[in-house]
Amino acid sequence: MRAFPLAAILCLALASTAHAEDPVQTAQTLIQAQIGAFLHDDAATAYSFAAPGIKALFPDKDSFFAMVKKAYQPVYHPGNYAFGKSRAIDNGAVVYQEVMITGTDGKDWTAIYQITRQPDGGYKINGVQILRNTASQGI
């Protein structure tokens, strides 16, 4: 039962950072929070960071979570991760953030996140591409 209050506090904290002045920092905060939700098997919180286009493809937290577990295992439960290169375009309307991940199996991956500014000024995760890779390729 402690997970709910923690998730509520996290969401409130992120709501205030979702309008941060630095879009790259905001993107990194969202990614960290979503990975944290994945690590705690908190489907509702992880789903809350998804942009409307993702939610249109996966209309509920359970279908979203099942897709992530199946197709994005390194993101779902990374062994370790670090932020790589980032790029903000259109005055921060879109942020691309590279995340270097070592999976729990020891294999290395590059995840490239696309974070988009929403009409309310907040940011959401609009997509993730993962590549089997051991070194940053840049974005």
N, C-alpha and C. Protein backbone atom coordinates (compact mmCIF):
# COMPACT_ATOMS: atom_id res chain seq x y z
N MET A 1 0.81 -1.19 0.00
CA MET A 1 0.00 0.00 0.00
C MET A 1 0.86 1.26 0.00
N ARG A 2 2.14 1.15 0.28
CA ARG A 2 3.01 2.31 0.27
C ARG A 2 3.30 2.78 -1.16
N ALA A 3 3.14 1.90 -2.13
CA ALA A 3 3.44 2.26 -3.51
C ALA A 3 2.52 3.36 -4.01
N PHE A 4 1.25 3.33 -3.60
CA PHE A 4 0.34 4.36 -4.09
C PHE A 4 0.74 5.75 -3.61
N PRO A 5 0.96 5.96 -2.30
CA PRO A 5 1.39 7.31 -1.89
C PRO A 5 2.69 7.74 -2.56
N LEU A 6 3.62 6.81 -2.70
CA LEU A 6 4.88 7.14 -3.36
C LEU A 6 4.63 7.54 -4.81
N ALA A 7 3.78 6.80 -5.49
CA ALA A 7 3.47 7.12 -6.88
C ALA A 7 2.76 8.47 -6.97
N ALA A 8 1.87 8.76 -6.04
CA ALA A 8 1.17 10.04 -6.05
C ALA A 8 2.13 11.19 -5.84
N ILE A 9 3.06 11.03 -4.90
CA ILE A 9 4.06 12.08 -4.65
C ILE A 9 4.93 12.26 -5.88
N LEU A 10 5.35 11.15 -6.50
CA LEU A 10 6.18 11.22 -7.70
C LEU A 10 5.45 11.95 -8.82
N CYS A 11 4.19 11.64 -9.03
CA CYS A 11 3.42 12.31 -10.08
C CYS A 11 3.28 13.80 -9.81
N LEU A 12 3.05 14.17 -8.55
CA LEU A 12 2.95 15.59 -8.22
C LEU A 12 4.28 16.30 -8.44
N ALA A 13 5.36 15.64 -8.07
CA ALA A 13 6.68 16.24 -8.28
C ALA A 13 6.95 16.42 -9.76
N LEU A 14 6.58 15.42 -10.55
CA LEU A 14 6.80 15.51 -11.99
C LEU A 14 5.90 16.54 -12.64
N ALA A 15 4.71 16.73 -12.11
CA ALA A 15 3.82 17.73 -12.67
C ALA A 15 4.47 19.10 -12.57
N SER A 16 5.18 19.35 -11.48
CA SER A 16 5.84 20.64 -11.35
C SER A 16 7.07 20.73 -12.24
N THR A 17 7.75 19.60 -12.49
CA THR A 17 8.94 19.65 -13.34
C THR A 17 8.57 19.54 -14.81
N ALA A 18 7.34 19.13 -15.11
CA ALA A 18 6.95 18.97 -16.51
C ALA A 18 6.94 20.30 -17.24
N HIS A 19 6.94 21.39 -16.51
CA HIS A 19 6.96 22.72 -17.13
C HIS A 19 8.32 23.39 -16.92
N ALA A 20 9.34 22.60 -16.64
CA ALA A 20 10.67 23.15 -16.38
C ALA A 20 11.19 23.91 -17.59
N GLU A 21 12.11 24.81 -17.33
CA GLU A 21 12.66 25.63 -18.40
C GLU A 21 13.61 24.86 -19.29
N ASP A 22 14.24 23.84 -18.79
CA ASP A 22 15.22 23.07 -19.56
C ASP A 22 14.55 21.78 -20.07
N PRO A 23 14.19 21.73 -21.35
CA PRO A 23 13.50 20.55 -21.89
C PRO A 23 14.32 19.27 -21.77
N VAL A 24 15.63 19.35 -21.88
CA VAL A 24 16.46 18.15 -21.77
C VAL A 24 16.41 17.60 -20.35
N GLN A 25 16.52 18.46 -19.36
CA GLN A 25 16.42 18.01 -17.97
C GLN A 25 15.05 17.42 -17.69
N THR A 26 14.02 18.03 -18.23
CA THR A 26 12.67 17.51 -18.07
C THR A 26 12.55 16.12 -18.70
N ALA A 27 13.11 15.96 -19.89
CA ALA A 27 13.08 14.65 -20.55
C ALA A 27 13.78 13.60 -19.71
N GLN A 28 14.94 13.93 -19.18
CA GLN A 28 15.68 12.99 -18.35
C GLN A 28 14.91 12.63 -17.09
N THR A 29 14.25 13.60 -16.49
CA THR A 29 13.44 13.35 -15.30
C THR A 29 12.29 12.39 -15.62
N LEU A 30 11.62 12.61 -16.76
CA LEU A 30 10.52 11.73 -17.17
C LEU A 30 11.02 10.30 -17.41
N ILE A 31 12.14 10.19 -18.10
CA ILE A 31 12.70 8.86 -18.39
C ILE A 31 13.06 8.14 -17.10
N GLN A 32 13.73 8.83 -16.19
CA GLN A 32 14.09 8.22 -14.91
C GLN A 32 12.85 7.76 -14.15
N ALA A 33 11.83 8.59 -14.14
CA ALA A 33 10.61 8.24 -13.42
C ALA A 33 9.91 7.04 -14.06
N GLN A 34 9.88 7.00 -15.39
CA GLN A 34 9.23 5.87 -16.03
C GLN A 34 10.02 4.57 -15.79
N ILE A 35 11.33 4.64 -15.91
CA ILE A 35 12.14 3.45 -15.64
C ILE A 35 11.95 3.01 -14.19
N GLY A 36 11.88 3.96 -13.28
CA GLY A 36 11.61 3.62 -11.88
C GLY A 36 10.28 2.92 -11.72
N ALA A 37 9.26 3.39 -12.43
CA ALA A 37 7.95 2.74 -12.38
C ALA A 37 8.03 1.32 -12.95
N PHE A 38 8.76 1.15 -14.06
CA PHE A 38 8.94 -0.20 -14.61
C PHE A 38 9.61 -1.12 -13.59
N LEU A 39 10.66 -0.62 -12.95
CA LEU A 39 11.40 -1.44 -11.99
C LEU A 39 10.53 -1.86 -10.80
N HIS A 40 9.51 -1.05 -10.49
CA HIS A 40 8.59 -1.38 -9.40
C HIS A 40 7.30 -2.03 -9.90
N ASP A 41 7.28 -2.40 -11.18
CA ASP A 41 6.09 -3.00 -11.80
C ASP A 41 4.84 -2.17 -11.56
N ASP A 42 5.00 -0.86 -11.64
CA ASP A 42 3.90 0.08 -11.44
C ASP A 42 3.40 0.53 -12.82
N ALA A 43 2.49 -0.27 -13.37
CA ALA A 43 1.99 -0.03 -14.72
C ALA A 43 1.28 1.31 -14.84
N ALA A 44 0.49 1.68 -13.85
CA ALA A 44 -0.27 2.93 -13.93
C ALA A 44 0.66 4.14 -14.02
N THR A 45 1.69 4.18 -13.20
CA THR A 45 2.62 5.31 -13.24
C THR A 45 3.41 5.32 -14.53
N ALA A 46 3.91 4.17 -14.96
CA ALA A 46 4.66 4.09 -16.21
C ALA A 46 3.80 4.57 -17.38
N TYR A 47 2.56 4.17 -17.40
CA TYR A 47 1.63 4.55 -18.47
C TYR A 47 1.33 6.05 -18.45
N SER A 48 1.37 6.65 -17.28
CA SER A 48 1.04 8.08 -17.16
C SER A 48 2.03 8.97 -17.91
N PHE A 49 3.22 8.48 -18.21
CA PHE A 49 4.23 9.26 -18.90
C PHE A 49 4.12 9.14 -20.43
N ALA A 50 3.23 8.29 -20.91
CA ALA A 50 3.07 8.06 -22.35
C ALA A 50 2.27 9.19 -22.99
N ALA A 51 2.71 9.60 -24.17
CA ALA A 51 2.02 10.64 -24.94
C ALA A 51 0.70 10.09 -25.50
N PRO A 52 -0.20 10.97 -25.89
CA PRO A 52 -1.50 10.53 -26.42
C PRO A 52 -1.39 9.55 -27.59
N GLY A 53 -0.42 9.71 -28.47
CA GLY A 53 -0.27 8.78 -29.60
C GLY A 53 0.03 7.36 -29.14
N ILE A 54 0.83 7.23 -28.11
CA ILE A 54 1.13 5.90 -27.54
C ILE A 54 -0.12 5.34 -26.88
N LYS A 55 -0.84 6.20 -26.16
CA LYS A 55 -2.06 5.75 -25.49
C LYS A 55 -3.15 5.37 -26.49
N ALA A 56 -3.11 5.94 -27.69
CA ALA A 56 -4.07 5.55 -28.72
C ALA A 56 -3.77 4.13 -29.21
N LEU A 57 -2.49 3.79 -29.28
CA LEU A 57 -2.09 2.43 -29.70
C LEU A 57 -2.32 1.40 -28.60
N PHE A 58 -2.14 1.83 -27.36
CA PHE A 58 -2.29 0.95 -26.19
C PHE A 58 -3.23 1.65 -25.22
N PRO A 59 -4.54 1.42 -25.37
CA PRO A 59 -5.53 2.23 -24.67
C PRO A 59 -5.67 1.99 -23.17
N ASP A 60 -4.90 1.06 -22.62
CA ASP A 60 -4.95 0.87 -21.17
C ASP A 60 -3.57 0.48 -20.66
N LYS A 61 -3.38 0.66 -19.37
CA LYS A 61 -2.06 0.42 -18.76
C LYS A 61 -1.61 -1.02 -18.91
N ASP A 62 -2.53 -1.96 -18.90
CA ASP A 62 -2.15 -3.37 -18.98
C ASP A 62 -1.61 -3.74 -20.36
N SER A 63 -2.26 -3.26 -21.43
CA SER A 63 -1.76 -3.57 -22.78
C SER A 63 -0.42 -2.85 -23.02
N PHE A 64 -0.28 -1.65 -22.50
CA PHE A 64 0.98 -0.91 -22.60
C PHE A 64 2.09 -1.67 -21.88
N PHE A 65 1.82 -2.09 -20.66
CA PHE A 65 2.82 -2.78 -19.85
C PHE A 65 3.23 -4.10 -20.48
N ALA A 66 2.27 -4.82 -21.03
CA ALA A 66 2.58 -6.10 -21.69
C ALA A 66 3.48 -5.87 -22.90
N MET A 67 3.21 -4.82 -23.67
CA MET A 67 4.03 -4.50 -24.84
C MET A 67 5.46 -4.16 -24.41
N VAL A 68 5.60 -3.35 -23.38
CA VAL A 68 6.94 -2.97 -22.91
C VAL A 68 7.71 -4.20 -22.44
N LYS A 69 7.07 -5.05 -21.66
CA LYS A 69 7.74 -6.27 -21.16
C LYS A 69 8.23 -7.14 -22.31
N LYS A 70 7.43 -7.23 -23.37
CA LYS A 70 7.76 -8.11 -24.49
C LYS A 70 8.78 -7.50 -25.44
N ALA A 71 8.58 -6.24 -25.83
CA ALA A 71 9.39 -5.64 -26.89
C ALA A 71 10.52 -4.74 -26.39
N TYR A 72 10.48 -4.34 -25.14
CA TYR A 72 11.46 -3.39 -24.61
C TYR A 72 12.05 -3.87 -23.29
N GLN A 73 12.40 -5.12 -23.23
CA GLN A 73 12.92 -5.71 -22.00
C GLN A 73 14.09 -4.91 -21.39
N PRO A 74 15.06 -4.44 -22.18
CA PRO A 74 16.15 -3.66 -21.58
C PRO A 74 15.67 -2.37 -20.90
N VAL A 75 14.62 -1.76 -21.42
CA VAL A 75 14.06 -0.55 -20.81
C VAL A 75 13.21 -0.92 -19.61
N TYR A 76 12.47 -2.01 -19.72
CA TYR A 76 11.58 -2.46 -18.66
C TYR A 76 12.33 -2.77 -17.37
N HIS A 77 13.41 -3.50 -17.48
CA HIS A 77 14.23 -3.82 -16.30
C HIS A 77 15.71 -3.72 -16.65
N PRO A 78 16.23 -2.51 -16.73
CA PRO A 78 17.65 -2.36 -17.04
C PRO A 78 18.52 -2.82 -15.87
N GLY A 79 19.67 -3.35 -16.20
CA GLY A 79 20.64 -3.65 -15.16
C GLY A 79 21.29 -2.36 -14.70
N ASN A 80 21.56 -1.48 -15.65
CA ASN A 80 22.18 -0.19 -15.39
C ASN A 80 21.88 0.69 -16.59
N TYR A 81 21.84 1.99 -16.38
CA TYR A 81 21.64 2.90 -17.51
C TYR A 81 22.26 4.26 -17.21
N ALA A 82 22.57 4.97 -18.28
CA ALA A 82 23.12 6.32 -18.17
C ALA A 82 22.66 7.12 -19.38
N PHE A 83 22.51 8.41 -19.17
CA PHE A 83 22.11 9.27 -20.27
C PHE A 83 23.29 9.55 -21.17
N GLY A 84 23.03 9.51 -22.47
CA GLY A 84 24.02 9.85 -23.47
C GLY A 84 23.72 11.22 -24.04
N LYS A 85 23.84 11.32 -25.32
CA LYS A 85 23.62 12.60 -26.00
C LYS A 85 22.14 12.95 -26.02
N SER A 86 21.89 14.25 -26.15
CA SER A 86 20.50 14.72 -26.24
C SER A 86 20.44 15.85 -27.26
N ARG A 87 19.23 16.06 -27.75
CA ARG A 87 19.03 17.14 -28.71
C ARG A 87 17.60 17.65 -28.55
N ALA A 88 17.46 18.95 -28.37
CA ALA A 88 16.15 19.58 -28.33
C ALA A 88 15.96 20.35 -29.63
N ILE A 89 14.79 20.20 -30.24
CA ILE A 89 14.50 20.93 -31.49
C ILE A 89 13.21 21.73 -31.33
N ASP A 90 13.00 22.65 -32.25
CA ASP A 90 11.80 23.50 -32.25
C ASP A 90 11.58 24.17 -30.89
N ASN A 91 12.65 24.81 -30.40
CA ASN A 91 12.58 25.51 -29.11
C ASN A 91 12.13 24.59 -27.98
N GLY A 92 12.57 23.35 -28.02
CA GLY A 92 12.25 22.41 -26.96
C GLY A 92 10.94 21.68 -27.12
N ALA A 93 10.28 21.83 -28.26
CA ALA A 93 9.01 21.14 -28.47
C ALA A 93 9.21 19.63 -28.56
N VAL A 94 10.38 19.21 -29.05
CA VAL A 94 10.73 17.79 -29.14
C VAL A 94 12.14 17.62 -28.60
N VAL A 95 12.32 16.62 -27.77
CA VAL A 95 13.64 16.29 -27.23
C VAL A 95 13.94 14.84 -27.57
N TYR A 96 15.11 14.62 -28.11
CA TYR A 96 15.61 13.26 -28.33
C TYR A 96 16.68 13.01 -27.27
N GLN A 97 16.52 11.94 -26.53
CA GLN A 97 17.46 11.62 -25.47
C GLN A 97 17.95 10.20 -25.63
N GLU A 98 19.26 10.07 -25.75
CA GLU A 98 19.90 8.76 -25.84
C GLU A 98 20.11 8.22 -24.42
N VAL A 99 19.80 6.94 -24.24
CA VAL A 99 20.02 6.28 -22.96
C VAL A 99 20.80 5.00 -23.24
N MET A 100 21.96 4.91 -22.62
CA MET A 100 22.80 3.72 -22.76
C MET A 100 22.39 2.76 -21.66
N ILE A 101 22.02 1.54 -22.05
CA ILE A 101 21.48 0.56 -21.10
C ILE A 101 22.30 -0.72 -21.15
N THR A 102 22.60 -1.24 -20.00
CA THR A 102 23.10 -2.60 -19.89
C THR A 102 21.96 -3.42 -19.31
N GLY A 103 21.52 -4.42 -20.07
CA GLY A 103 20.43 -5.25 -19.62
C GLY A 103 20.84 -6.15 -18.48
N THR A 104 19.86 -6.76 -17.84
CA THR A 104 20.16 -7.68 -16.74
C THR A 104 20.93 -8.90 -17.24
N ASP A 105 20.90 -9.13 -18.57
CA ASP A 105 21.65 -10.24 -19.16
C ASP A 105 23.08 -9.83 -19.53
N GLY A 106 23.45 -8.56 -19.24
CA GLY A 106 24.79 -8.08 -19.54
C GLY A 106 24.96 -7.51 -20.94
N LYS A 107 23.94 -7.60 -21.78
CA LYS A 107 24.04 -7.04 -23.14
C LYS A 107 23.79 -5.54 -23.11
N ASP A 108 24.46 -4.83 -24.02
CA ASP A 108 24.35 -3.38 -24.09
C ASP A 108 23.37 -2.96 -25.17
N TRP A 109 22.63 -1.88 -24.87
CA TRP A 109 21.61 -1.36 -25.75
C TRP A 109 21.67 0.16 -25.77
N THR A 110 21.19 0.74 -26.83
CA THR A 110 20.97 2.17 -26.90
C THR A 110 19.48 2.37 -27.09
N ALA A 111 18.89 3.17 -26.21
CA ALA A 111 17.47 3.54 -26.35
C ALA A 111 17.44 5.02 -26.70
N ILE A 112 16.70 5.35 -27.73
CA ILE A 112 16.54 6.75 -28.11
C ILE A 112 15.07 7.11 -27.85
N TYR A 113 14.89 8.00 -26.89
CA TYR A 113 13.57 8.45 -26.49
C TYR A 113 13.20 9.71 -27.26
N GLN A 114 11.93 9.81 -27.63
CA GLN A 114 11.39 11.05 -28.18
C GLN A 114 10.39 11.58 -27.16
N ILE A 115 10.66 12.76 -26.66
CA ILE A 115 9.81 13.41 -25.67
C ILE A 115 9.19 14.62 -26.35
N THR A 116 7.88 14.78 -26.23
CA THR A 116 7.21 15.89 -26.91
C THR A 116 6.47 16.78 -25.92
N ARG A 117 6.51 18.08 -26.22
CA ARG A 117 5.74 19.04 -25.42
C ARG A 117 4.28 18.89 -25.79
N GLN A 118 3.44 18.88 -24.78
CA GLN A 118 2.01 18.71 -24.97
C GLN A 118 1.33 20.10 -25.01
N PRO A 119 0.08 20.15 -25.47
CA PRO A 119 -0.62 21.44 -25.53
C PRO A 119 -0.67 22.19 -24.20
N ASP A 120 -0.65 21.47 -23.08
CA ASP A 120 -0.68 22.14 -21.77
C ASP A 120 0.70 22.62 -21.32
N GLY A 121 1.73 22.36 -22.15
CA GLY A 121 3.08 22.79 -21.83
C GLY A 121 3.92 21.73 -21.16
N GLY A 122 3.29 20.65 -20.70
CA GLY A 122 4.01 19.54 -20.10
C GLY A 122 4.65 18.68 -21.17
N TYR A 123 5.38 17.68 -20.75
CA TYR A 123 6.07 16.77 -21.67
C TYR A 123 5.63 15.33 -21.42
N LYS A 124 5.63 14.55 -22.51
CA LYS A 124 5.30 13.12 -22.44
C LYS A 124 6.25 12.35 -23.34
N ILE A 125 6.39 11.07 -23.06
CA ILE A 125 7.23 10.19 -23.87
C ILE A 125 6.43 9.74 -25.08
N ASN A 126 6.92 10.10 -26.27
CA ASN A 126 6.19 9.83 -27.51
C ASN A 126 6.70 8.60 -28.24
N GLY A 127 7.79 8.03 -27.80
CA GLY A 127 8.30 6.83 -28.45
C GLY A 127 9.71 6.52 -27.98
N VAL A 128 10.07 5.26 -28.15
CA VAL A 128 11.41 4.79 -27.80
C VAL A 128 11.85 3.81 -28.87
N GLN A 129 13.05 4.00 -29.36
CA GLN A 129 13.65 3.05 -30.30
C GLN A 129 14.83 2.44 -29.57
N ILE A 130 14.90 1.09 -29.56
CA ILE A 130 16.06 0.45 -28.93
C ILE A 130 16.88 -0.27 -29.98
N LEU A 131 18.18 -0.16 -29.81
CA LEU A 131 19.13 -0.76 -30.73
C LEU A 131 20.14 -1.56 -29.95
N ARG A 132 20.46 -2.74 -30.43
CA ARG A 132 21.53 -3.54 -29.83
C ARG A 132 22.82 -2.84 -30.17
N ASN A 133 23.52 -2.36 -29.17
CA ASN A 133 24.66 -1.52 -29.44
C ASN A 133 25.54 -1.43 -28.20
N THR A 134 26.80 -1.19 -28.41
CA THR A 134 27.71 -1.06 -27.28
C THR A 134 28.31 0.33 -27.16
N ALA A 135 28.09 1.19 -28.13
CA ALA A 135 28.66 2.53 -28.08
C ALA A 135 27.66 3.54 -28.61
N SER A 136 27.75 4.74 -28.10
CA SER A 136 26.88 5.82 -28.55
C SER A 136 27.08 6.10 -30.02
N GLN A 137 25.99 6.22 -30.76
CA GLN A 137 26.06 6.57 -32.17
C GLN A 137 25.64 8.02 -32.38
N GLY A 138 25.21 8.68 -31.33
CA GLY A 138 24.74 10.05 -31.46
C GLY A 138 23.34 10.11 -32.01
N ILE A 139 22.76 11.27 -31.93
CA ILE A 139 21.38 11.44 -32.45
C ILE A 139 21.28 12.69 -33.28
